[in-house]
Amino acid sequence: MAKIKPISYLKANAAEIMRTIADEPGPYIITQNGEAKAVLVDYESYEQEQETLALLKILALGEQQVREGKTRPAAEVFEELRRRWQDD
């Protein structure tokens, strides 16, 4: 669950937040003047989110190519791969 903290808390307790984030992954939502302005997450969570986003982009691109008819029969692709492996 996200922890909501004002920027003044972040400034005063940065070291504590860094320790907490390492032990209890989960985002900190940092507010300024009562409005959410930033999100602070541990590095591992950030990396996992980036990998997930990359996979989702690949899936979206694949779906778009299918809608546009940019596909090839699987048998044709497998045959091309077999030829490439034999040439190596």
PDB file of N, CA and C in Angstrom:
ATOM      1  N   MET A   1       0.843  -1.176   0.000  1.00  0.00           N
ATOM      2  CA  MET A   1       0.000   0.000   0.000  1.00  0.00           C
ATOM      3  C   MET A   1       0.891   1.243   0.000  1.00  0.00           C
ATOM      4  N   ALA A   2       0.487   2.233  -0.741  1.00  0.00           N
ATOM      5  CA  ALA A   2       1.277   3.456  -0.866  1.00  0.00           C
ATOM      6  C   ALA A   2       1.267   4.249   0.433  1.00  0.00           C
ATOM      7  N   LYS A   3       2.397   4.852   0.704  1.00  0.00           N
ATOM      8  CA  LYS A   3       2.530   5.731   1.865  1.00  0.00           C
ATOM      9  C   LYS A   3       2.583   7.158   1.333  1.00  0.00           C
ATOM     10  N   ILE A   4       1.738   8.010   1.832  1.00  0.00           N
ATOM     11  CA  ILE A   4       1.672   9.389   1.355  1.00  0.00           C
ATOM     12  C   ILE A   4       2.369  10.287   2.369  1.00  0.00           C
ATOM     13  N   LYS A   5       3.367  11.028   1.876  1.00  0.00           N
ATOM     14  CA  LYS A   5       4.151  11.901   2.754  1.00  0.00           C
ATOM     15  C   LYS A   5       4.384  13.245   2.060  1.00  0.00           C
ATOM     16  N   PRO A   6       4.387  14.329   2.838  1.00  0.00           N
ATOM     17  CA  PRO A   6       4.711  15.631   2.252  1.00  0.00           C
ATOM     18  C   PRO A   6       6.212  15.725   1.974  1.00  0.00           C
ATOM     19  N   ILE A   7       6.564  16.608   1.082  1.00  0.00           N
ATOM     20  CA  ILE A   7       7.970  16.765   0.716  1.00  0.00           C
ATOM     21  C   ILE A   7       8.815  17.164   1.929  1.00  0.00           C
ATOM     22  N   SER A   8       8.230  17.878   2.866  1.00  0.00           N
ATOM     23  CA  SER A   8       8.977  18.256   4.075  1.00  0.00           C
ATOM     24  C   SER A   8       9.388  17.014   4.867  1.00  0.00           C
ATOM     25  N   TYR A   9       8.535  15.991   4.889  1.00  0.00           N
ATOM     26  CA  TYR A   9       8.880  14.740   5.571  1.00  0.00           C
ATOM     27  C   TYR A   9      10.041  14.058   4.849  1.00  0.00           C
ATOM     28  N   LEU A  10       9.997  14.059   3.525  1.00  0.00           N
ATOM     29  CA  LEU A  10      11.085  13.466   2.745  1.00  0.00           C
ATOM     30  C   LEU A  10      12.404  14.177   3.042  1.00  0.00           C
ATOM     31  N   LYS A  11      12.371  15.490   3.063  1.00  0.00           N
ATOM     32  CA  LYS A  11      13.594  16.259   3.335  1.00  0.00           C
ATOM     33  C   LYS A  11      14.165  15.936   4.715  1.00  0.00           C
ATOM     34  N   ALA A  12      13.292  15.814   5.700  1.00  0.00           N
ATOM     35  CA  ALA A  12      13.741  15.600   7.077  1.00  0.00           C
ATOM     36  C   ALA A  12      14.089  14.147   7.382  1.00  0.00           C
ATOM     37  N   ASN A  13      13.547  13.204   6.600  1.00  0.00           N
ATOM     38  CA  ASN A  13      13.688  11.783   6.940  1.00  0.00           C
ATOM     39  C   ASN A  13      14.158  10.920   5.771  1.00  0.00           C
ATOM     40  N   ALA A  14      14.969  11.480   4.897  1.00  0.00           N
ATOM     41  CA  ALA A  14      15.388  10.749   3.699  1.00  0.00           C
ATOM     42  C   ALA A  14      16.071   9.427   4.032  1.00  0.00           C
ATOM     43  N   ALA A  15      16.972   9.427   4.994  1.00  0.00           N
ATOM     44  CA  ALA A  15      17.690   8.188   5.338  1.00  0.00           C
ATOM     45  C   ALA A  15      16.726   7.128   5.859  1.00  0.00           C
ATOM     46  N   GLU A  16      15.797   7.528   6.697  1.00  0.00           N
ATOM     47  CA  GLU A  16      14.806   6.584   7.228  1.00  0.00           C
ATOM     48  C   GLU A  16      13.935   6.015   6.104  1.00  0.00           C
ATOM     49  N   ILE A  17      13.520   6.872   5.190  1.00  0.00           N
ATOM     50  CA  ILE A  17      12.702   6.414   4.061  1.00  0.00           C
ATOM     51  C   ILE A  17      13.479   5.409   3.226  1.00  0.00           C
ATOM     52  N   MET A  18      14.756   5.666   2.989  1.00  0.00           N
ATOM     53  CA  MET A  18      15.572   4.744   2.194  1.00  0.00           C
ATOM     54  C   MET A  18      15.681   3.383   2.876  1.00  0.00           C
ATOM     55  N   ARG A  19      15.840   3.369   4.195  1.00  0.00           N
ATOM     56  CA  ARG A  19      15.884   2.092   4.921  1.00  0.00           C
ATOM     57  C   ARG A  19      14.536   1.379   4.830  1.00  0.00           C
ATOM     58  N   THR A  20      13.472   2.121   5.022  1.00  0.00           N
ATOM     59  CA  THR A  20      12.130   1.536   4.994  1.00  0.00           C
ATOM     60  C   THR A  20      11.814   0.972   3.621  1.00  0.00           C
ATOM     61  N   ILE A  21      12.156   1.709   2.597  1.00  0.00           N
ATOM     62  CA  ILE A  21      11.847   1.273   1.227  1.00  0.00           C
ATOM     63  C   ILE A  21      12.602  -0.002   0.882  1.00  0.00           C
ATOM     64  N   ALA A  22      13.791  -0.178   1.446  1.00  0.00           N
ATOM     65  CA  ALA A  22      14.562  -1.401   1.197  1.00  0.00           C
ATOM     66  C   ALA A  22      13.921  -2.597   1.894  1.00  0.00           C
ATOM     67  N   ASP A  23      13.365  -2.377   3.070  1.00  0.00           N
ATOM     68  CA  ASP A  23      12.765  -3.469   3.847  1.00  0.00           C
ATOM     69  C   ASP A  23      11.305  -3.726   3.499  1.00  0.00           C
ATOM     70  N   GLU A  24      10.575  -2.684   3.156  1.00  0.00           N
ATOM     71  CA  GLU A  24       9.143  -2.788   2.872  1.00  0.00           C
ATOM     72  C   GLU A  24       8.856  -2.139   1.526  1.00  0.00           C
ATOM     73  N   PRO A  25       9.120  -2.854   0.435  1.00  0.00           N
ATOM     74  CA  PRO A  25       8.881  -2.251  -0.878  1.00  0.00           C
ATOM     75  C   PRO A  25       7.438  -1.779  -1.005  1.00  0.00           C
ATOM     76  N   GLY A  26       7.290  -0.695  -1.615  1.00  0.00           N
ATOM     77  CA  GLY A  26       5.986  -0.088  -1.820  1.00  0.00           C
ATOM     78  C   GLY A  26       6.214   1.382  -2.082  1.00  0.00           C
ATOM     79  N   PRO A  27       5.404   1.975  -2.870  1.00  0.00           N
ATOM     80  CA  PRO A  27       5.672   3.363  -3.244  1.00  0.00           C
ATOM     81  C   PRO A  27       5.377   4.359  -2.124  1.00  0.00           C
ATOM     82  N   TYR A  28       6.156   5.407  -2.129  1.00  0.00           N
ATOM     83  CA  TYR A  28       5.872   6.595  -1.334  1.00  0.00           C
ATOM     84  C   TYR A  28       5.352   7.629  -2.321  1.00  0.00           C
ATOM     85  N   ILE A  29       4.219   8.190  -2.037  1.00  0.00           N
ATOM     86  CA  ILE A  29       3.710   9.291  -2.846  1.00  0.00           C
ATOM     87  C   ILE A  29       4.102  10.568  -2.119  1.00  0.00           C
ATOM     88  N   ILE A  30       4.857  11.402  -2.803  1.00  0.00           N
ATOM     89  CA  ILE A  30       5.359  12.635  -2.215  1.00  0.00           C
ATOM     90  C   ILE A  30       4.456  13.780  -2.664  1.00  0.00           C
ATOM     91  N   THR A  31       3.970  14.532  -1.675  1.00  0.00           N
ATOM     92  CA  THR A  31       3.066  15.636  -1.989  1.00  0.00           C
ATOM     93  C   THR A  31       3.762  16.974  -1.774  1.00  0.00           C
ATOM     94  N   GLN A  32       3.260  17.963  -2.486  1.00  0.00           N
ATOM     95  CA  GLN A  32       3.721  19.336  -2.311  1.00  0.00           C
ATOM     96  C   GLN A  32       2.480  20.211  -2.351  1.00  0.00           C
ATOM     97  N   ASN A  33       2.296  20.986  -1.327  1.00  0.00           N
ATOM     98  CA  ASN A  33       1.091  21.808  -1.197  1.00  0.00           C
ATOM     99  C   ASN A  33      -0.174  20.964  -1.309  1.00  0.00           C
ATOM    100  N   GLY A  34      -0.121  19.760  -0.750  1.00  0.00           N
ATOM    101  CA  GLY A  34      -1.294  18.890  -0.715  1.00  0.00           C
ATOM    102  C   GLY A  34      -1.566  18.113  -1.993  1.00  0.00           C
ATOM    103  N   GLU A  35      -0.756  18.297  -3.025  1.00  0.00           N
ATOM    104  CA  GLU A  35      -0.951  17.598  -4.299  1.00  0.00           C
ATOM    105  C   GLU A  35       0.163  16.582  -4.522  1.00  0.00           C
ATOM    106  N   ALA A  36      -0.202  15.428  -5.057  1.00  0.00           N
ATOM    107  CA  ALA A  36       0.798  14.409  -5.391  1.00  0.00           C
ATOM    108  C   ALA A  36       1.711  14.957  -6.483  1.00  0.00           C
ATOM    109  N   LYS A  37       3.020  14.886  -6.238  1.00  0.00           N
ATOM    110  CA  LYS A  37       3.997  15.426  -7.196  1.00  0.00           C
ATOM    111  C   LYS A  37       5.010  14.398  -7.666  1.00  0.00           C
ATOM    112  N   ALA A  38       5.270  13.365  -6.858  1.00  0.00           N
ATOM    113  CA  ALA A  38       6.290  12.385  -7.227  1.00  0.00           C
ATOM    114  C   ALA A  38       5.999  11.062  -6.536  1.00  0.00           C
ATOM    115  N   VAL A  39       6.616  10.014  -7.076  1.00  0.00           N
ATOM    116  CA  VAL A  39       6.508   8.680  -6.489  1.00  0.00           C
ATOM    117  C   VAL A  39       7.918   8.163  -6.269  1.00  0.00           C
ATOM    118  N   LEU A  40       8.157   7.631  -5.095  1.00  0.00           N
ATOM    119  CA  LEU A  40       9.461   7.075  -4.743  1.00  0.00           C
ATOM    120  C   LEU A  40       9.282   5.580  -4.519  1.00  0.00           C
ATOM    121  N   VAL A  41      10.011   4.771  -5.298  1.00  0.00           N
ATOM    122  CA  VAL A  41       9.924   3.310  -5.169  1.00  0.00           C
ATOM    123  C   VAL A  41      11.328   2.734  -5.073  1.00  0.00           C
ATOM    124  N   ASP A  42      11.419   1.501  -4.549  1.00  0.00           N
ATOM    125  CA  ASP A  42      12.719   0.845  -4.493  1.00  0.00           C
ATOM    126  C   ASP A  42      13.143   0.460  -5.906  1.00  0.00           C
ATOM    127  N   TYR A  43      14.443   0.310  -6.092  1.00  0.00           N
ATOM    128  CA  TYR A  43      15.000   0.077  -7.423  1.00  0.00           C
ATOM    129  C   TYR A  43      14.489  -1.215  -8.049  1.00  0.00           C
ATOM    130  N   GLU A  44      14.377  -2.285  -7.269  1.00  0.00           N
ATOM    131  CA  GLU A  44      13.922  -3.567  -7.807  1.00  0.00           C
ATOM    132  C   GLU A  44      12.498  -3.453  -8.349  1.00  0.00           C
ATOM    133  N   SER A  45      11.633  -2.786  -7.621  1.00  0.00           N
ATOM    134  CA  SER A  45      10.255  -2.594  -8.088  1.00  0.00           C
ATOM    135  C   SER A  45      10.236  -1.770  -9.365  1.00  0.00           C
ATOM    136  N   TYR A  46      11.069  -0.738  -9.410  1.00  0.00           N
ATOM    137  CA  TYR A  46      11.160   0.099 -10.604  1.00  0.00           C
ATOM    138  C   TYR A  46      11.584  -0.730 -11.815  1.00  0.00           C
ATOM    139  N   GLU A  47      12.617  -1.543 -11.653  1.00  0.00           N
ATOM    140  CA  GLU A  47      13.099  -2.381 -12.751  1.00  0.00           C
ATOM    141  C   GLU A  47      12.017  -3.357 -13.212  1.00  0.00           C
ATOM    142  N   GLN A  48      11.306  -3.967 -12.273  1.00  0.00           N
ATOM    143  CA  GLN A  48      10.232  -4.897 -12.634  1.00  0.00           C
ATOM    144  C   GLN A  48       9.137  -4.179 -13.415  1.00  0.00           C
ATOM    145  N   GLU A  49       8.787  -2.976 -12.994  1.00  0.00           N
ATOM    146  CA  GLU A  49       7.772  -2.206 -13.705  1.00  0.00           C
ATOM    147  C   GLU A  49       8.238  -1.854 -15.114  1.00  0.00           C
ATOM    148  N   GLN A  50       9.510  -1.504 -15.264  1.00  0.00           N
ATOM    149  CA  GLN A  50      10.038  -1.173 -16.587  1.00  0.00           C
ATOM    150  C   GLN A  50      10.007  -2.389 -17.515  1.00  0.00           C
ATOM    151  N   GLU A  51      10.361  -3.563 -16.988  1.00  0.00           N
ATOM    152  CA  GLU A  51      10.308  -4.789 -17.787  1.00  0.00           C
ATOM    153  C   GLU A  51       8.877  -5.112 -18.187  1.00  0.00           C
ATOM    154  N   THR A  52       7.948  -4.941 -17.262  1.00  0.00           N
ATOM    155  CA  THR A  52       6.541  -5.190 -17.556  1.00  0.00           C
ATOM    156  C   THR A  52       6.049  -4.243 -18.642  1.00  0.00           C
ATOM    157  N   LEU A  53       6.398  -2.973 -18.543  1.00  0.00           N
ATOM    158  CA  LEU A  53       5.997  -2.005 -19.563  1.00  0.00           C
ATOM    159  C   LEU A  53       6.573  -2.364 -20.927  1.00  0.00           C
ATOM    160  N   ALA A  54       7.818  -2.799 -20.962  1.00  0.00           N
ATOM    161  CA  ALA A  54       8.436  -3.183 -22.234  1.00  0.00           C
ATOM    162  C   ALA A  54       7.694  -4.360 -22.858  1.00  0.00           C
ATOM    163  N   LEU A  55       7.340  -5.357 -22.046  1.00  0.00           N
ATOM    164  CA  LEU A  55       6.593  -6.509 -22.563  1.00  0.00           C
ATOM    165  C   LEU A  55       5.214  -6.096 -23.052  1.00  0.00           C
ATOM    166  N   LEU A  56       4.553  -5.205 -22.329  1.00  0.00           N
ATOM    167  CA  LEU A  56       3.236  -4.733 -22.754  1.00  0.00           C
ATOM    168  C   LEU A  56       3.320  -3.978 -24.078  1.00  0.00           C
ATOM    169  N   LYS A  57       4.385  -3.205 -24.268  1.00  0.00           N
ATOM    170  CA  LYS A  57       4.570  -2.496 -25.536  1.00  0.00           C
ATOM    171  C   LYS A  57       4.764  -3.482 -26.684  1.00  0.00           C
ATOM    172  N   ILE A  58       5.537  -4.544 -26.441  1.00  0.00           N
ATOM    173  CA  ILE A  58       5.747  -5.567 -27.469  1.00  0.00           C
ATOM    174  C   ILE A  58       4.423  -6.234 -27.822  1.00  0.00           C
ATOM    175  N   LEU A  59       3.628  -6.560 -26.807  1.00  0.00           N
ATOM    176  CA  LEU A  59       2.318  -7.176 -27.053  1.00  0.00           C
ATOM    177  C   LEU A  59       1.410  -6.242 -27.842  1.00  0.00           C
ATOM    178  N   ALA A  60       1.396  -4.964 -27.481  1.00  0.00           N
ATOM    179  CA  ALA A  60       0.559  -3.996 -28.189  1.00  0.00           C
ATOM    180  C   ALA A  60       0.996  -3.868 -29.642  1.00  0.00           C
ATOM    181  N   LEU A  61       2.292  -3.863 -29.887  1.00  0.00           N
ATOM    182  CA  LEU A  61       2.801  -3.791 -31.254  1.00  0.00           C
ATOM    183  C   LEU A  61       2.380  -5.024 -32.039  1.00  0.00           C
ATOM    184  N   GLY A  62       2.482  -6.198 -31.414  1.00  0.00           N
ATOM    185  CA  GLY A  62       2.059  -7.428 -32.073  1.00  0.00           C
ATOM    186  C   GLY A  62       0.580  -7.412 -32.413  1.00  0.00           C
ATOM    187  N   GLU A  63      -0.248  -6.944 -31.497  1.00  0.00           N
ATOM    188  CA  GLU A  63      -1.687  -6.853 -31.759  1.00  0.00           C
ATOM    189  C   GLU A  63      -1.971  -5.891 -32.904  1.00  0.00           C
ATOM    190  N   GLN A  64      -1.249  -4.783 -32.943  1.00  0.00           N
ATOM    191  CA  GLN A  64      -1.425  -3.812 -34.020  1.00  0.00           C
ATOM    192  C   GLN A  64      -1.045  -4.436 -35.364  1.00  0.00           C
ATOM    193  N   GLN A  65       0.041  -5.188 -35.395  1.00  0.00           N
ATOM    194  CA  GLN A  65       0.465  -5.826 -36.638  1.00  0.00           C
ATOM    195  C   GLN A  65      -0.560  -6.853 -37.101  1.00  0.00           C
ATOM    196  N   VAL A  66      -1.170  -7.569 -36.168  1.00  0.00           N
ATOM    197  CA  VAL A  66      -2.214  -8.530 -36.535  1.00  0.00           C
ATOM    198  C   VAL A  66      -3.403  -7.786 -37.128  1.00  0.00           C
ATOM    199  N   ARG A  67      -3.827  -6.696 -36.494  1.00  0.00           N
ATOM    200  CA  ARG A  67      -4.961  -5.913 -37.013  1.00  0.00           C
ATOM    201  C   ARG A  67      -4.673  -5.384 -38.413  1.00  0.00           C
ATOM    202  N   GLU A  68      -3.423  -5.030 -38.685  1.00  0.00           N
ATOM    203  CA  GLU A  68      -3.040  -4.482 -39.986  1.00  0.00           C
ATOM    204  C   GLU A  68      -2.735  -5.569 -41.007  1.00  0.00           C
ATOM    205  N   GLY A  69      -2.876  -6.823 -40.604  1.00  0.00           N
ATOM    206  CA  GLY A  69      -2.631  -7.927 -41.522  1.00  0.00           C
ATOM    207  C   GLY A  69      -1.161  -8.198 -41.784  1.00  0.00           C
ATOM    208  N   LYS A  70      -0.295  -7.705 -40.943  1.00  0.00           N
ATOM    209  CA  LYS A  70       1.147  -7.901 -41.120  1.00  0.00           C
ATOM    210  C   LYS A  70       1.568  -9.188 -40.411  1.00  0.00           C
ATOM    211  N   THR A  71       1.082 -10.302 -40.901  1.00  0.00           N
ATOM    212  CA  THR A  71       1.392 -11.599 -40.300  1.00  0.00           C
ATOM    213  C   THR A  71       1.880 -12.556 -41.379  1.00  0.00           C
ATOM    214  N   ARG A  72       2.494 -13.649 -40.929  1.00  0.00           N
ATOM    215  CA  ARG A  72       2.929 -14.716 -41.831  1.00  0.00           C
ATOM    216  C   ARG A  72       2.513 -16.035 -41.212  1.00  0.00           C
ATOM    217  N   PRO A  73       2.248 -17.022 -42.045  1.00  0.00           N
ATOM    218  CA  PRO A  73       1.908 -18.338 -41.497  1.00  0.00           C
ATOM    219  C   PRO A  73       3.070 -18.889 -40.667  1.00  0.00           C
ATOM    220  N   ALA A  74       2.730 -19.546 -39.566  1.00  0.00           N
ATOM    221  CA  ALA A  74       3.747 -20.094 -38.669  1.00  0.00           C
ATOM    222  C   ALA A  74       4.665 -21.071 -39.398  1.00  0.00           C
ATOM    223  N   ALA A  75       4.102 -21.901 -40.264  1.00  0.00           N
ATOM    224  CA  ALA A  75       4.914 -22.885 -40.986  1.00  0.00           C
ATOM    225  C   ALA A  75       6.003 -22.191 -41.804  1.00  0.00           C
ATOM    226  N   GLU A  76       5.663 -21.070 -42.408  1.00  0.00           N
ATOM    227  CA  GLU A  76       6.635 -20.314 -43.201  1.00  0.00           C
ATOM    228  C   GLU A  76       7.766 -19.779 -42.312  1.00  0.00           C
ATOM    229  N   VAL A  77       7.419 -19.271 -41.165  1.00  0.00           N
ATOM    230  CA  VAL A  77       8.418 -18.732 -40.241  1.00  0.00           C
ATOM    231  C   VAL A  77       9.329 -19.840 -39.731  1.00  0.00           C
ATOM    232  N   PHE A  78       8.743 -20.986 -39.344  1.00  0.00           N
ATOM    233  CA  PHE A  78       9.548 -22.104 -38.849  1.00  0.00           C
ATOM    234  C   PHE A  78      10.487 -22.630 -39.928  1.00  0.00           C
ATOM    235  N   GLU A  79      10.019 -22.686 -41.153  1.00  0.00           N
ATOM    236  CA  GLU A  79      10.875 -23.145 -42.251  1.00  0.00           C
ATOM    237  C   GLU A  79      12.047 -22.183 -42.443  1.00  0.00           C
ATOM    238  N   GLU A  80      11.784 -20.897 -42.367  1.00  0.00           N
ATOM    239  CA  GLU A  80      12.857 -19.909 -42.493  1.00  0.00           C
ATOM    240  C   GLU A  80      13.883 -20.073 -41.368  1.00  0.00           C
ATOM    241  N   LEU A  81      13.411 -20.306 -40.151  1.00  0.00           N
ATOM    242  CA  LEU A  81      14.324 -20.520 -39.021  1.00  0.00           C
ATOM    243  C   LEU A  81      15.156 -21.783 -39.212  1.00  0.00           C
ATOM    244  N   ARG A  82      14.526 -22.856 -39.692  1.00  0.00           N
ATOM    245  CA  ARG A  82      15.275 -24.101 -39.943  1.00  0.00           C
ATOM    246  C   ARG A  82      16.388 -23.866 -40.956  1.00  0.00           C
ATOM    247  N   ARG A  83      16.087 -23.142 -42.018  1.00  0.00           N
ATOM    248  CA  ARG A  83      17.102 -22.851 -43.041  1.00  0.00           C
ATOM    249  C   ARG A  83      18.253 -22.038 -42.450  1.00  0.00           C
ATOM    250  N   ARG A  84      17.931 -21.067 -41.624  1.00  0.00           N
ATOM    251  CA  ARG A  84      18.977 -20.245 -41.006  1.00  0.00           C
ATOM    252  C   ARG A  84      19.882 -21.091 -40.122  1.00  0.00           C
ATOM    253  N   TRP A  85      19.302 -21.985 -39.331  1.00  0.00           N
ATOM    254  CA  TRP A  85      20.094 -22.825 -38.435  1.00  0.00           C
ATOM    255  C   TRP A  85      20.967 -23.793 -39.227  1.00  0.00           C
ATOM    256  N   GLN A  86      20.467 -24.287 -40.335  1.00  0.00           N
ATOM    257  CA  GLN A  86      21.245 -25.221 -41.150  1.00  0.00           C
ATOM    258  C   GLN A  86      22.411 -24.508 -41.816  1.00  0.00           C
ATOM    259  N   ASP A  87      22.235 -23.244 -42.153  1.00  0.00           N
ATOM    260  CA  ASP A  87      23.300 -22.473 -42.796  1.00  0.00           C
ATOM    261  C   ASP A  87      24.427 -22.134 -41.825  1.00  0.00           C
ATOM    262  N   ASP A  88      24.130 -22.150 -40.537  1.00  0.00           N
ATOM    263  CA  ASP A  88      25.154 -21.790 -39.535  1.00  0.00           C
ATOM    264  C   ASP A  88      26.070 -22.902 -39.322  1.00  0.00           C
TER     265      ASP A  88
END
